[in-house]
């Protein structure tokens, strides 16, 4: 049940944002080796954000997933930064990536938690 969230100060038109969201869904499913049927993507563009004391394009990407393998996070960070650069023309030096390994007892879907 991964969540891939991208927040950026770069403004996109509604159709561009929808297209980017679907691309991000395919990307996250492939990256995390999950079915796209269980991946949720949230895209927030045109936000008020700054980095390094300026308002040039910047982004924060968040990955939340049950069982997120910590050893894979360096590769994920590189691939996510490259994806954001390719899709939004934002330098990896202006992208933060935040990882969360979710406790299944603290995550709900379909009316129940994921704890066994």
PDB file of N, CA and C in Angstrom:
ATOM      1  N   UNK A   1       0.812  -1.184   0.000  1.00  0.00           N
ATOM      2  CA  UNK A   1       0.000   0.000   0.000  1.00  0.00           C
ATOM      3  C   UNK A   1       0.858   1.251   0.000  1.00  0.00           C
ATOM      4  N   UNK A   2       1.661   1.455  -1.021  1.00  0.00           N
ATOM      5  CA  UNK A   2       2.528   2.630  -1.034  1.00  0.00           C
ATOM      6  C   UNK A   2       1.776   3.916  -1.382  1.00  0.00           C
ATOM      7  N   UNK A   3       2.251   4.993  -0.783  1.00  0.00           N
ATOM      8  CA  UNK A   3       1.823   6.340  -1.136  1.00  0.00           C
ATOM      9  C   UNK A   3       3.036   7.068  -1.687  1.00  0.00           C
ATOM     10  N   UNK A   4       2.898   7.649  -2.847  1.00  0.00           N
ATOM     11  CA  UNK A   4       3.936   8.472  -3.461  1.00  0.00           C
ATOM     12  C   UNK A   4       3.355   9.865  -3.591  1.00  0.00           C
ATOM     13  N   UNK A   5       3.921  10.812  -2.858  1.00  0.00           N
ATOM     14  CA  UNK A   5       3.425  12.181  -2.854  1.00  0.00           C
ATOM     15  C   UNK A   5       4.519  13.112  -3.347  1.00  0.00           C
ATOM     16  N   UNK A   6       4.156  14.001  -4.253  1.00  0.00           N
ATOM     17  CA  UNK A   6       5.107  14.981  -4.764  1.00  0.00           C
ATOM     18  C   UNK A   6       4.498  16.364  -4.607  1.00  0.00           C
ATOM     19  N   UNK A   7       5.216  17.201  -3.883  1.00  0.00           N
ATOM     20  CA  UNK A   7       4.820  18.596  -3.696  1.00  0.00           C
ATOM     21  C   UNK A   7       5.874  19.461  -4.374  1.00  0.00           C
ATOM     22  N   UNK A   8       5.422  20.477  -5.097  1.00  0.00           N
ATOM     23  CA  UNK A   8       6.364  21.346  -5.790  1.00  0.00           C
ATOM     24  C   UNK A   8       5.798  22.753  -5.920  1.00  0.00           C
ATOM     25  N   UNK A   9       6.692  23.706  -6.034  1.00  0.00           N
ATOM     26  CA  UNK A   9       6.257  25.075  -6.285  1.00  0.00           C
ATOM     27  C   UNK A   9       6.104  25.342  -7.786  1.00  0.00           C
ATOM     28  N   UNK A  10       6.461  24.378  -8.594  1.00  0.00           N
ATOM     29  CA  UNK A  10       6.299  24.525 -10.037  1.00  0.00           C
ATOM     30  C   UNK A  10       4.815  24.389 -10.380  1.00  0.00           C
ATOM     31  N   UNK A  11       4.308  25.343 -11.116  1.00  0.00           N
ATOM     32  CA  UNK A  11       2.897  25.316 -11.497  1.00  0.00           C
ATOM     33  C   UNK A  11       2.714  24.482 -12.761  1.00  0.00           C
ATOM     34  N   UNK A  12       1.701  23.644 -12.745  1.00  0.00           N
ATOM     35  CA  UNK A  12       1.325  22.864 -13.926  1.00  0.00           C
ATOM     36  C   UNK A  12      -0.140  23.137 -14.223  1.00  0.00           C
ATOM     37  N   UNK A  13      -0.500  23.085 -15.488  1.00  0.00           N
ATOM     38  CA  UNK A  13      -1.906  23.154 -15.860  1.00  0.00           C
ATOM     39  C   UNK A  13      -2.614  21.895 -15.406  1.00  0.00           C
ATOM     40  N   UNK A  14      -3.930  21.925 -15.347  1.00  0.00           N
ATOM     41  CA  UNK A  14      -4.714  20.796 -14.852  1.00  0.00           C
ATOM     42  C   UNK A  14      -4.438  19.514 -15.632  1.00  0.00           C
ATOM     43  N   UNK A  15      -4.393  19.602 -16.954  1.00  0.00           N
ATOM     44  CA  UNK A  15      -4.141  18.410 -17.762  1.00  0.00           C
ATOM     45  C   UNK A  15      -2.713  17.901 -17.568  1.00  0.00           C
ATOM     46  N   UNK A  16      -1.743  18.826 -17.492  1.00  0.00           N
ATOM     47  CA  UNK A  16      -0.346  18.428 -17.226  1.00  0.00           C
ATOM     48  C   UNK A  16      -0.243  17.731 -15.883  1.00  0.00           C
ATOM     49  N   UNK A  17      -0.956  18.251 -14.899  1.00  0.00           N
ATOM     50  CA  UNK A  17      -0.916  17.674 -13.560  1.00  0.00           C
ATOM     51  C   UNK A  17      -1.502  16.260 -13.562  1.00  0.00           C
ATOM     52  N   UNK A  18      -2.608  16.061 -14.268  1.00  0.00           N
ATOM     53  CA  UNK A  18      -3.217  14.729 -14.364  1.00  0.00           C
ATOM     54  C   UNK A  18      -2.270  13.742 -15.048  1.00  0.00           C
ATOM     55  N   UNK A  19      -1.656  14.173 -16.135  1.00  0.00           N
ATOM     56  CA  UNK A  19      -0.710  13.321 -16.857  1.00  0.00           C
ATOM     57  C   UNK A  19       0.481  12.971 -15.968  1.00  0.00           C
ATOM     58  N   UNK A  20       1.013  13.969 -15.265  1.00  0.00           N
ATOM     59  CA  UNK A  20       2.141  13.749 -14.359  1.00  0.00           C
ATOM     60  C   UNK A  20       1.755  12.762 -13.253  1.00  0.00           C
ATOM     61  N   UNK A  21       0.559  12.894 -12.721  1.00  0.00           N
ATOM     62  CA  UNK A  21       0.088  12.005 -11.655  1.00  0.00           C
ATOM     63  C   UNK A  21       0.063  10.552 -12.132  1.00  0.00           C
ATOM     64  N   UNK A  22      -0.437  10.321 -13.331  1.00  0.00           N
ATOM     65  CA  UNK A  22      -0.482   8.956 -13.867  1.00  0.00           C
ATOM     66  C   UNK A  22       0.916   8.416 -14.160  1.00  0.00           C
ATOM     67  N   UNK A  23       1.806   9.273 -14.656  1.00  0.00           N
ATOM     68  CA  UNK A  23       3.204   8.863 -14.866  1.00  0.00           C
ATOM     69  C   UNK A  23       3.844   8.500 -13.526  1.00  0.00           C
ATOM     70  N   UNK A  24       3.564   9.297 -12.501  1.00  0.00           N
ATOM     71  CA  UNK A  24       4.117   9.041 -11.167  1.00  0.00           C
ATOM     72  C   UNK A  24       3.603   7.725 -10.599  1.00  0.00           C
ATOM     73  N   UNK A  25       2.356   7.385 -10.902  1.00  0.00           N
ATOM     74  CA  UNK A  25       1.793   6.122 -10.440  1.00  0.00           C
ATOM     75  C   UNK A  25       2.524   4.940 -11.071  1.00  0.00           C
ATOM     76  N   UNK A  26       2.725   5.006 -12.378  1.00  0.00           N
ATOM     77  CA  UNK A  26       3.464   3.926 -13.072  1.00  0.00           C
ATOM     78  C   UNK A  26       4.901   3.837 -12.542  1.00  0.00           C
ATOM     79  N   UNK A  27       5.522   5.010 -12.368  1.00  0.00           N
ATOM     80  CA  UNK A  27       6.898   5.044 -11.875  1.00  0.00           C
ATOM     81  C   UNK A  27       6.996   4.411 -10.481  1.00  0.00           C
ATOM     82  N   UNK A  28       6.125   4.819  -9.569  1.00  0.00           N
ATOM     83  CA  UNK A  28       6.191   4.318  -8.187  1.00  0.00           C
ATOM     84  C   UNK A  28       5.947   2.817  -8.130  1.00  0.00           C
ATOM     85  N   UNK A  29       4.987   2.323  -8.901  1.00  0.00           N
ATOM     86  CA  UNK A  29       4.715   0.880  -8.915  1.00  0.00           C
ATOM     87  C   UNK A  29       5.940   0.106  -9.377  1.00  0.00           C
ATOM     88  N   UNK A  30       6.563   0.589 -10.437  1.00  0.00           N
ATOM     89  CA  UNK A  30       7.758  -0.080 -10.949  1.00  0.00           C
ATOM     90  C   UNK A  30       8.911   0.012  -9.945  1.00  0.00           C
ATOM     91  N   UNK A  31       9.132   1.200  -9.397  1.00  0.00           N
ATOM     92  CA  UNK A  31      10.225   1.409  -8.440  1.00  0.00           C
ATOM     93  C   UNK A  31      10.100   0.483  -7.233  1.00  0.00           C
ATOM     94  N   UNK A  32       8.890   0.398  -6.689  1.00  0.00           N
ATOM     95  CA  UNK A  32       8.667  -0.368  -5.464  1.00  0.00           C
ATOM     96  C   UNK A  32       8.277  -1.820  -5.726  1.00  0.00           C
ATOM     97  N   UNK A  33       8.189  -2.185  -7.012  1.00  0.00           N
ATOM     98  CA  UNK A  33       7.813  -3.538  -7.411  1.00  0.00           C
ATOM     99  C   UNK A  33       6.471  -3.938  -6.790  1.00  0.00           C
ATOM    100  N   UNK A  34       5.497  -3.036  -6.943  1.00  0.00           N
ATOM    101  CA  UNK A  34       4.142  -3.259  -6.440  1.00  0.00           C
ATOM    102  C   UNK A  34       3.179  -3.142  -7.615  1.00  0.00           C
ATOM    103  N   UNK A  35       2.018  -3.725  -7.469  1.00  0.00           N
ATOM    104  CA  UNK A  35       0.976  -3.555  -8.462  1.00  0.00           C
ATOM    105  C   UNK A  35       0.488  -2.108  -8.414  1.00  0.00           C
ATOM    106  N   UNK A  36       0.280  -1.529  -9.575  1.00  0.00           N
ATOM    107  CA  UNK A  36      -0.228  -0.161  -9.624  1.00  0.00           C
ATOM    108  C   UNK A  36      -1.615  -0.077  -8.976  1.00  0.00           C
ATOM    109  N   UNK A  37      -2.291  -1.207  -8.845  1.00  0.00           N
ATOM    110  CA  UNK A  37      -3.620  -1.251  -8.233  1.00  0.00           C
ATOM    111  C   UNK A  37      -3.609  -0.896  -6.747  1.00  0.00           C
ATOM    112  N   UNK A  38      -2.428  -0.948  -6.112  1.00  0.00           N
ATOM    113  CA  UNK A  38      -2.353  -0.628  -4.680  1.00  0.00           C
ATOM    114  C   UNK A  38      -1.520   0.624  -4.411  1.00  0.00           C
ATOM    115  N   UNK A  39      -1.123   1.337  -5.450  1.00  0.00           N
ATOM    116  CA  UNK A  39      -0.310   2.544  -5.302  1.00  0.00           C
ATOM    117  C   UNK A  39      -1.207   3.772  -5.334  1.00  0.00           C
ATOM    118  N   UNK A  40      -1.031   4.646  -4.333  1.00  0.00           N
ATOM    119  CA  UNK A  40      -1.740   5.924  -4.328  1.00  0.00           C
ATOM    120  C   UNK A  40      -0.717   7.023  -4.595  1.00  0.00           C
ATOM    121  N   UNK A  41      -1.110   7.973  -5.441  1.00  0.00           N
ATOM    122  CA  UNK A  41      -0.235   9.099  -5.767  1.00  0.00           C
ATOM    123  C   UNK A  41      -0.977  10.393  -5.465  1.00  0.00           C
ATOM    124  N   UNK A  42      -0.278  11.308  -4.856  1.00  0.00           N
ATOM    125  CA  UNK A  42      -0.816  12.633  -4.567  1.00  0.00           C
ATOM    126  C   UNK A  42       0.163  13.650  -5.138  1.00  0.00           C
ATOM    127  N   UNK A  43      -0.328  14.508  -6.011  1.00  0.00           N
ATOM    128  CA  UNK A  43       0.506  15.531  -6.632  1.00  0.00           C
ATOM    129  C   UNK A  43      -0.046  16.890  -6.236  1.00  0.00           C
ATOM    130  N   UNK A  44       0.810  17.736  -5.700  1.00  0.00           N
ATOM    131  CA  UNK A  44       0.434  19.095  -5.335  1.00  0.00           C
ATOM    132  C   UNK A  44       1.419  20.048  -6.004  1.00  0.00           C
ATOM    133  N   UNK A  45       0.935  20.768  -7.010  1.00  0.00           N
ATOM    134  CA  UNK A  45       1.789  21.700  -7.744  1.00  0.00           C
ATOM    135  C   UNK A  45       1.396  23.134  -7.405  1.00  0.00           C
ATOM    136  N   UNK A  46       2.293  24.049  -7.747  1.00  0.00           N
ATOM    137  CA  UNK A  46       2.017  25.465  -7.526  1.00  0.00           C
ATOM    138  C   UNK A  46       1.980  25.873  -6.065  1.00  0.00           C
ATOM    139  N   UNK A  47       2.618  25.092  -5.194  1.00  0.00           N
ATOM    140  CA  UNK A  47       2.640  25.394  -3.761  1.00  0.00           C
ATOM    141  C   UNK A  47       3.641  26.508  -3.465  1.00  0.00           C
ATOM    142  N   UNK A  48       3.412  27.192  -2.386  1.00  0.00           N
ATOM    143  CA  UNK A  48       4.376  28.181  -1.918  1.00  0.00           C
ATOM    144  C   UNK A  48       5.491  27.421  -1.211  1.00  0.00           C
ATOM    145  N   UNK A  49       6.664  27.417  -1.816  1.00  0.00           N
ATOM    146  CA  UNK A  49       7.816  26.691  -1.274  1.00  0.00           C
ATOM    147  C   UNK A  49       9.081  27.468  -1.590  1.00  0.00           C
ATOM    148  N   UNK A  50      10.069  27.317  -0.727  1.00  0.00           N
ATOM    149  CA  UNK A  50      11.394  27.857  -1.026  1.00  0.00           C
ATOM    150  C   UNK A  50      12.428  26.841  -0.582  1.00  0.00           C
ATOM    151  N   UNK A  51      13.601  26.935  -1.178  1.00  0.00           N
ATOM    152  CA  UNK A  51      14.731  26.089  -0.798  1.00  0.00           C
ATOM    153  C   UNK A  51      15.982  26.924  -1.004  1.00  0.00           C
ATOM    154  N   UNK A  52      16.904  26.862  -0.062  1.00  0.00           N
ATOM    155  CA  UNK A  52      18.157  27.619  -0.129  1.00  0.00           C
ATOM    156  C   UNK A  52      17.875  29.119  -0.302  1.00  0.00           C
ATOM    157  N   UNK A  53      16.862  29.575   0.407  1.00  0.00           N
ATOM    158  CA  UNK A  53      16.502  30.998   0.453  1.00  0.00           C
ATOM    159  C   UNK A  53      16.094  31.578  -0.898  1.00  0.00           C
ATOM    160  N   UNK A  54      15.565  30.734  -1.802  1.00  0.00           N
ATOM    161  CA  UNK A  54      15.004  31.272  -3.037  1.00  0.00           C
ATOM    162  C   UNK A  54      13.799  30.436  -3.463  1.00  0.00           C
ATOM    163  N   UNK A  55      13.081  30.947  -4.420  1.00  0.00           N
ATOM    164  CA  UNK A  55      11.842  30.303  -4.857  1.00  0.00           C
ATOM    165  C   UNK A  55      11.965  29.645  -6.225  1.00  0.00           C
ATOM    166  N   UNK A  56      13.196  29.314  -6.634  1.00  0.00           N
ATOM    167  CA  UNK A  56      13.370  28.549  -7.870  1.00  0.00           C
ATOM    168  C   UNK A  56      12.644  27.216  -7.708  1.00  0.00           C
ATOM    169  N   UNK A  57      12.337  26.543  -8.818  1.00  0.00           N
ATOM    170  CA  UNK A  57      11.622  25.269  -8.710  1.00  0.00           C
ATOM    171  C   UNK A  57      12.311  24.286  -7.745  1.00  0.00           C
ATOM    172  N   UNK A  58      11.488  23.712  -6.895  1.00  0.00           N
ATOM    173  CA  UNK A  58      11.939  22.757  -5.894  1.00  0.00           C
ATOM    174  C   UNK A  58      10.836  21.722  -5.680  1.00  0.00           C
ATOM    175  N   UNK A  59      11.163  20.613  -5.055  1.00  0.00           N
ATOM    176  CA  UNK A  59      10.151  19.572  -4.826  1.00  0.00           C
ATOM    177  C   UNK A  59      10.480  18.757  -3.584  1.00  0.00           C
ATOM    178  N   UNK A  60       9.432  18.266  -2.976  1.00  0.00           N
ATOM    179  CA  UNK A  60       9.528  17.313  -1.876  1.00  0.00           C
ATOM    180  C   UNK A  60       8.763  16.067  -2.306  1.00  0.00           C
ATOM    181  N   UNK A  61       9.449  14.949  -2.356  1.00  0.00           N
ATOM    182  CA  UNK A  61       8.813  13.669  -2.673  1.00  0.00           C
ATOM    183  C   UNK A  61       8.768  12.833  -1.405  1.00  0.00           C
ATOM    184  N   UNK A  62       7.635  12.211  -1.166  1.00  0.00           N
ATOM    185  CA  UNK A  62       7.457  11.365   0.009  1.00  0.00           C
ATOM    186  C   UNK A  62       7.025   9.980  -0.447  1.00  0.00           C
ATOM    187  N   UNK A  63       7.686   8.983   0.099  1.00  0.00           N
ATOM    188  CA  UNK A  63       7.297   7.580  -0.124  1.00  0.00           C
ATOM    189  C   UNK A  63       6.936   6.996   1.232  1.00  0.00           C
ATOM    190  N   UNK A  64       5.715   6.479   1.327  1.00  0.00           N
ATOM    191  CA  UNK A  64       5.281   5.761   2.524  1.00  0.00           C
ATOM    192  C   UNK A  64       4.844   4.376   2.075  1.00  0.00           C
ATOM    193  N   UNK A  65       5.335   3.367   2.764  1.00  0.00           N
ATOM    194  CA  UNK A  65       4.964   2.004   2.390  1.00  0.00           C
ATOM    195  C   UNK A  65       5.203   1.058   3.554  1.00  0.00           C
ATOM    196  N   UNK A  66       4.351   0.066   3.669  1.00  0.00           N
ATOM    197  CA  UNK A  66       4.558  -0.996   4.646  1.00  0.00           C
ATOM    198  C   UNK A  66       5.725  -1.836   4.161  1.00  0.00           C
ATOM    199  N   UNK A  67       6.702  -2.074   5.034  1.00  0.00           N
ATOM    200  CA  UNK A  67       7.844  -2.902   4.680  1.00  0.00           C
ATOM    201  C   UNK A  67       8.827  -2.227   3.737  1.00  0.00           C
ATOM    202  N   UNK A  68       8.912  -0.907   3.782  1.00  0.00           N
ATOM    203  CA  UNK A  68       9.858  -0.187   2.925  1.00  0.00           C
ATOM    204  C   UNK A  68      11.286  -0.621   3.273  1.00  0.00           C
ATOM    205  N   UNK A  69      12.002  -1.183   2.320  1.00  0.00           N
ATOM    206  CA  UNK A  69      13.351  -1.676   2.622  1.00  0.00           C
ATOM    207  C   UNK A  69      14.358  -0.527   2.733  1.00  0.00           C
ATOM    208  N   UNK A  70      14.850  -0.301   3.931  1.00  0.00           N
ATOM    209  CA  UNK A  70      15.785   0.795   4.184  1.00  0.00           C
ATOM    210  C   UNK A  70      17.022   0.701   3.293  1.00  0.00           C
ATOM    211  N   UNK A  71      17.487  -0.488   3.028  1.00  0.00           N
ATOM    212  CA  UNK A  71      18.685  -0.661   2.204  1.00  0.00           C
ATOM    213  C   UNK A  71      18.474  -0.180   0.768  1.00  0.00           C
ATOM    214  N   UNK A  72      17.216  -0.111   0.311  1.00  0.00           N
ATOM    215  CA  UNK A  72      16.919   0.339  -1.049  1.00  0.00           C
ATOM    216  C   UNK A  72      16.732   1.848  -1.148  1.00  0.00           C
ATOM    217  N   UNK A  73      16.636   2.534  -0.032  1.00  0.00           N
ATOM    218  CA  UNK A  73      16.346   3.969  -0.055  1.00  0.00           C
ATOM    219  C   UNK A  73      17.385   4.804  -0.811  1.00  0.00           C
ATOM    220  N   UNK A  74      18.686   4.519  -0.728  1.00  0.00           N
ATOM    221  CA  UNK A  74      19.620   5.300  -1.546  1.00  0.00           C
ATOM    222  C   UNK A  74      19.331   5.195  -3.053  1.00  0.00           C
ATOM    223  N   UNK A  75      19.016   4.001  -3.522  1.00  0.00           N
ATOM    224  CA  UNK A  75      18.665   3.830  -4.941  1.00  0.00           C
ATOM    225  C   UNK A  75      17.351   4.535  -5.255  1.00  0.00           C
ATOM    226  N   UNK A  76      16.376   4.395  -4.350  1.00  0.00           N
ATOM    227  CA  UNK A  76      15.092   5.069  -4.552  1.00  0.00           C
ATOM    228  C   UNK A  76      15.289   6.585  -4.653  1.00  0.00           C
ATOM    229  N   UNK A  77      16.117   7.141  -3.759  1.00  0.00           N
ATOM    230  CA  UNK A  77      16.350   8.591  -3.766  1.00  0.00           C
ATOM    231  C   UNK A  77      16.914   9.036  -5.110  1.00  0.00           C
ATOM    232  N   UNK A  78      17.861   8.272  -5.623  1.00  0.00           N
ATOM    233  CA  UNK A  78      18.464   8.605  -6.918  1.00  0.00           C
ATOM    234  C   UNK A  78      17.432   8.529  -8.039  1.00  0.00           C
ATOM    235  N   UNK A  79      16.650   7.458  -8.054  1.00  0.00           N
ATOM    236  CA  UNK A  79      15.670   7.270  -9.124  1.00  0.00           C
ATOM    237  C   UNK A  79      14.515   8.266  -9.034  1.00  0.00           C
ATOM    238  N   UNK A  80      14.075   8.576  -7.829  1.00  0.00           N
ATOM    239  CA  UNK A  80      13.005   9.564  -7.654  1.00  0.00           C
ATOM    240  C   UNK A  80      13.486  10.939  -8.094  1.00  0.00           C
ATOM    241  N   UNK A  81      14.694  11.307  -7.699  1.00  0.00           N
ATOM    242  CA  UNK A  81      15.250  12.601  -8.107  1.00  0.00           C
ATOM    243  C   UNK A  81      15.371  12.693  -9.624  1.00  0.00           C
ATOM    244  N   UNK A  82      15.796  11.613 -10.257  1.00  0.00           N
ATOM    245  CA  UNK A  82      15.903  11.591 -11.721  1.00  0.00           C
ATOM    246  C   UNK A  82      14.524  11.699 -12.369  1.00  0.00           C
ATOM    247  N   UNK A  83      13.535  11.036 -11.792  1.00  0.00           N
ATOM    248  CA  UNK A  83      12.172  11.109 -12.313  1.00  0.00           C
ATOM    249  C   UNK A  83      11.640  12.542 -12.237  1.00  0.00           C
ATOM    250  N   UNK A  84      11.833  13.191 -11.098  1.00  0.00           N
ATOM    251  CA  UNK A  84      11.374  14.576 -10.930  1.00  0.00           C
ATOM    252  C   UNK A  84      12.099  15.498 -11.902  1.00  0.00           C
ATOM    253  N   UNK A  85      13.396  15.265 -12.085  1.00  0.00           N
ATOM    254  CA  UNK A  85      14.146  16.091 -13.037  1.00  0.00           C
ATOM    255  C   UNK A  85      13.615  15.884 -14.457  1.00  0.00           C
ATOM    256  N   UNK A  86      13.392  14.637 -14.835  1.00  0.00           N
ATOM    257  CA  UNK A  86      12.912  14.329 -16.183  1.00  0.00           C
ATOM    258  C   UNK A  86      11.514  14.901 -16.432  1.00  0.00           C
ATOM    259  N   UNK A  87      10.636  14.743 -15.461  1.00  0.00           N
ATOM    260  CA  UNK A  87       9.240  15.140 -15.636  1.00  0.00           C
ATOM    261  C   UNK A  87       8.983  16.633 -15.408  1.00  0.00           C
ATOM    262  N   UNK A  88       9.710  17.225 -14.445  1.00  0.00           N
ATOM    263  CA  UNK A  88       9.425  18.608 -14.043  1.00  0.00           C
ATOM    264  C   UNK A  88      10.576  19.579 -14.283  1.00  0.00           C
ATOM    265  N   UNK A  89      11.709  19.073 -14.781  1.00  0.00           N
ATOM    266  CA  UNK A  89      12.901  19.910 -15.006  1.00  0.00           C
ATOM    267  C   UNK A  89      13.360  20.601 -13.723  1.00  0.00           C
ATOM    268  N   UNK A  90      13.339  19.840 -12.618  1.00  0.00           N
ATOM    269  CA  UNK A  90      13.841  20.339 -11.333  1.00  0.00           C
ATOM    270  C   UNK A  90      15.110  19.563 -11.006  1.00  0.00           C
ATOM    271  N   UNK A  91      16.184  20.285 -10.762  1.00  0.00           N
ATOM    272  CA  UNK A  91      17.472  19.663 -10.465  1.00  0.00           C
ATOM    273  C   UNK A  91      17.385  18.766  -9.231  1.00  0.00           C
ATOM    274  N   UNK A  92      18.027  17.597  -9.260  1.00  0.00           N
ATOM    275  CA  UNK A  92      18.065  16.738  -8.072  1.00  0.00           C
ATOM    276  C   UNK A  92      18.613  17.460  -6.833  1.00  0.00           C
ATOM    277  N   UNK A  93      19.440  18.464  -7.036  1.00  0.00           N
ATOM    278  CA  UNK A  93      19.979  19.231  -5.907  1.00  0.00           C
ATOM    279  C   UNK A  93      18.899  20.063  -5.218  1.00  0.00           C
ATOM    280  N   UNK A  94      17.711  20.151  -5.827  1.00  0.00           N
ATOM    281  CA  UNK A  94      16.607  20.920  -5.249  1.00  0.00           C
ATOM    282  C   UNK A  94      15.413  20.017  -4.903  1.00  0.00           C
ATOM    283  N   UNK A  95      15.705  18.717  -4.744  1.00  0.00           N
ATOM    284  CA  UNK A  95      14.656  17.748  -4.428  1.00  0.00           C
ATOM    285  C   UNK A  95      15.007  17.041  -3.114  1.00  0.00           C
ATOM    286  N   UNK A  96      14.097  17.101  -2.176  1.00  0.00           N
ATOM    287  CA  UNK A  96      14.209  16.296  -0.963  1.00  0.00           C
ATOM    288  C   UNK A  96      13.328  15.063  -1.152  1.00  0.00           C
ATOM    289  N   UNK A  97      13.772  13.926  -0.604  1.00  0.00           N
ATOM    290  CA  UNK A  97      12.981  12.698  -0.632  1.00  0.00           C
ATOM    291  C   UNK A  97      12.855  12.208   0.802  1.00  0.00           C
ATOM    292  N   UNK A  98      11.631  12.004   1.237  1.00  0.00           N
ATOM    293  CA  UNK A  98      11.331  11.595   2.609  1.00  0.00           C
ATOM    294  C   UNK A  98      10.743  10.187   2.569  1.00  0.00           C
ATOM    295  N   UNK A  99      11.307   9.281   3.349  1.00  0.00           N
ATOM    296  CA  UNK A  99      10.878   7.883   3.363  1.00  0.00           C
ATOM    297  C   UNK A  99      10.225   7.529   4.699  1.00  0.00           C
ATOM    298  N   UNK A 100       9.145   6.748   4.626  1.00  0.00           N
ATOM    299  CA  UNK A 100       8.470   6.262   5.827  1.00  0.00           C
ATOM    300  C   UNK A 100       8.161   4.789   5.656  1.00  0.00           C
ATOM    301  N   UNK A 101       8.653   3.969   6.581  1.00  0.00           N
ATOM    302  CA  UNK A 101       8.275   2.559   6.640  1.00  0.00           C
ATOM    303  C   UNK A 101       7.077   2.492   7.580  1.00  0.00           C
ATOM    304  N   UNK A 102       5.917   2.198   7.053  1.00  0.00           N
ATOM    305  CA  UNK A 102       4.678   2.259   7.816  1.00  0.00           C
ATOM    306  C   UNK A 102       4.465   0.987   8.639  1.00  0.00           C
ATOM    307  N   UNK A 103       4.118   1.175   9.878  1.00  0.00           N
ATOM    308  CA  UNK A 103       3.712   0.077  10.749  1.00  0.00           C
ATOM    309  C   UNK A 103       2.319  -0.361  10.284  1.00  0.00           C
ATOM    310  N   UNK A 104       2.121  -1.615   9.885  1.00  0.00           N
ATOM    311  CA  UNK A 104       0.825  -2.053   9.361  1.00  0.00           C
ATOM    312  C   UNK A 104      -0.328  -1.865  10.354  1.00  0.00           C
ATOM    313  N   UNK A 105      -0.029  -1.878  11.644  1.00  0.00           N
ATOM    314  CA  UNK A 105      -1.077  -1.668  12.649  1.00  0.00           C
ATOM    315  C   UNK A 105      -1.538  -0.213  12.681  1.00  0.00           C
ATOM    316  N   UNK A 106      -0.748   0.675  12.074  1.00  0.00           N
ATOM    317  CA  UNK A 106      -1.061   2.104  12.076  1.00  0.00           C
ATOM    318  C   UNK A 106      -1.447   2.616  10.697  1.00  0.00           C
ATOM    319  N   UNK A 107      -1.860   1.691   9.818  1.00  0.00           N
ATOM    320  CA  UNK A 107      -2.244   2.081   8.462  1.00  0.00           C
ATOM    321  C   UNK A 107      -3.518   1.341   8.082  1.00  0.00           C
ATOM    322  N   UNK A 108      -4.506   2.091   7.634  1.00  0.00           N
ATOM    323  CA  UNK A 108      -5.775   1.484   7.284  1.00  0.00           C
ATOM    324  C   UNK A 108      -6.080   1.591   5.802  1.00  0.00           C
ATOM    325  N   UNK A 109      -6.788   0.601   5.300  1.00  0.00           N
ATOM    326  CA  UNK A 109      -7.281   0.578   3.933  1.00  0.00           C
ATOM    327  C   UNK A 109      -8.480  -0.364   3.879  1.00  0.00           C
ATOM    328  N   UNK A 110      -9.468   0.019   3.144  1.00  0.00           N
ATOM    329  CA  UNK A 110     -10.644  -0.812   2.939  1.00  0.00           C
ATOM    330  C   UNK A 110     -11.346  -1.150   4.260  1.00  0.00           C
ATOM    331  N   UNK A 111     -11.384  -0.165   5.163  1.00  0.00           N
ATOM    332  CA  UNK A 111     -12.110  -0.316   6.409  1.00  0.00           C
ATOM    333  C   UNK A 111     -11.415  -1.081   7.513  1.00  0.00           C
ATOM    334  N   UNK A 112     -10.115  -1.363   7.329  1.00  0.00           N
ATOM    335  CA  UNK A 112      -9.392  -2.089   8.383  1.00  0.00           C
ATOM    336  C   UNK A 112      -7.911  -1.738   8.313  1.00  0.00           C
ATOM    337  N   UNK A 113      -7.196  -2.049   9.371  1.00  0.00           N
ATOM    338  CA  UNK A 113      -5.747  -1.844   9.321  1.00  0.00           C
ATOM    339  C   UNK A 113      -5.110  -3.018   8.612  1.00  0.00           C
ATOM    340  N   UNK A 114      -3.846  -2.856   8.276  1.00  0.00           N
ATOM    341  CA  UNK A 114      -3.129  -3.910   7.562  1.00  0.00           C
ATOM    342  C   UNK A 114      -2.441  -4.902   8.481  1.00  0.00           C
ATOM    343  N   UNK A 115      -2.601  -4.705   9.809  1.00  0.00           N
ATOM    344  CA  UNK A 115      -1.994  -5.631  10.778  1.00  0.00           C
ATOM    345  C   UNK A 115      -2.626  -7.004  10.633  1.00  0.00           C
ATOM    346  N   UNK A 116      -1.824  -8.000  10.761  1.00  0.00           N
ATOM    347  CA  UNK A 116      -2.307  -9.390  10.642  1.00  0.00           C
ATOM    348  C   UNK A 116      -2.895  -9.853  11.937  1.00  0.00           C
TER     349      UNK A 116
END
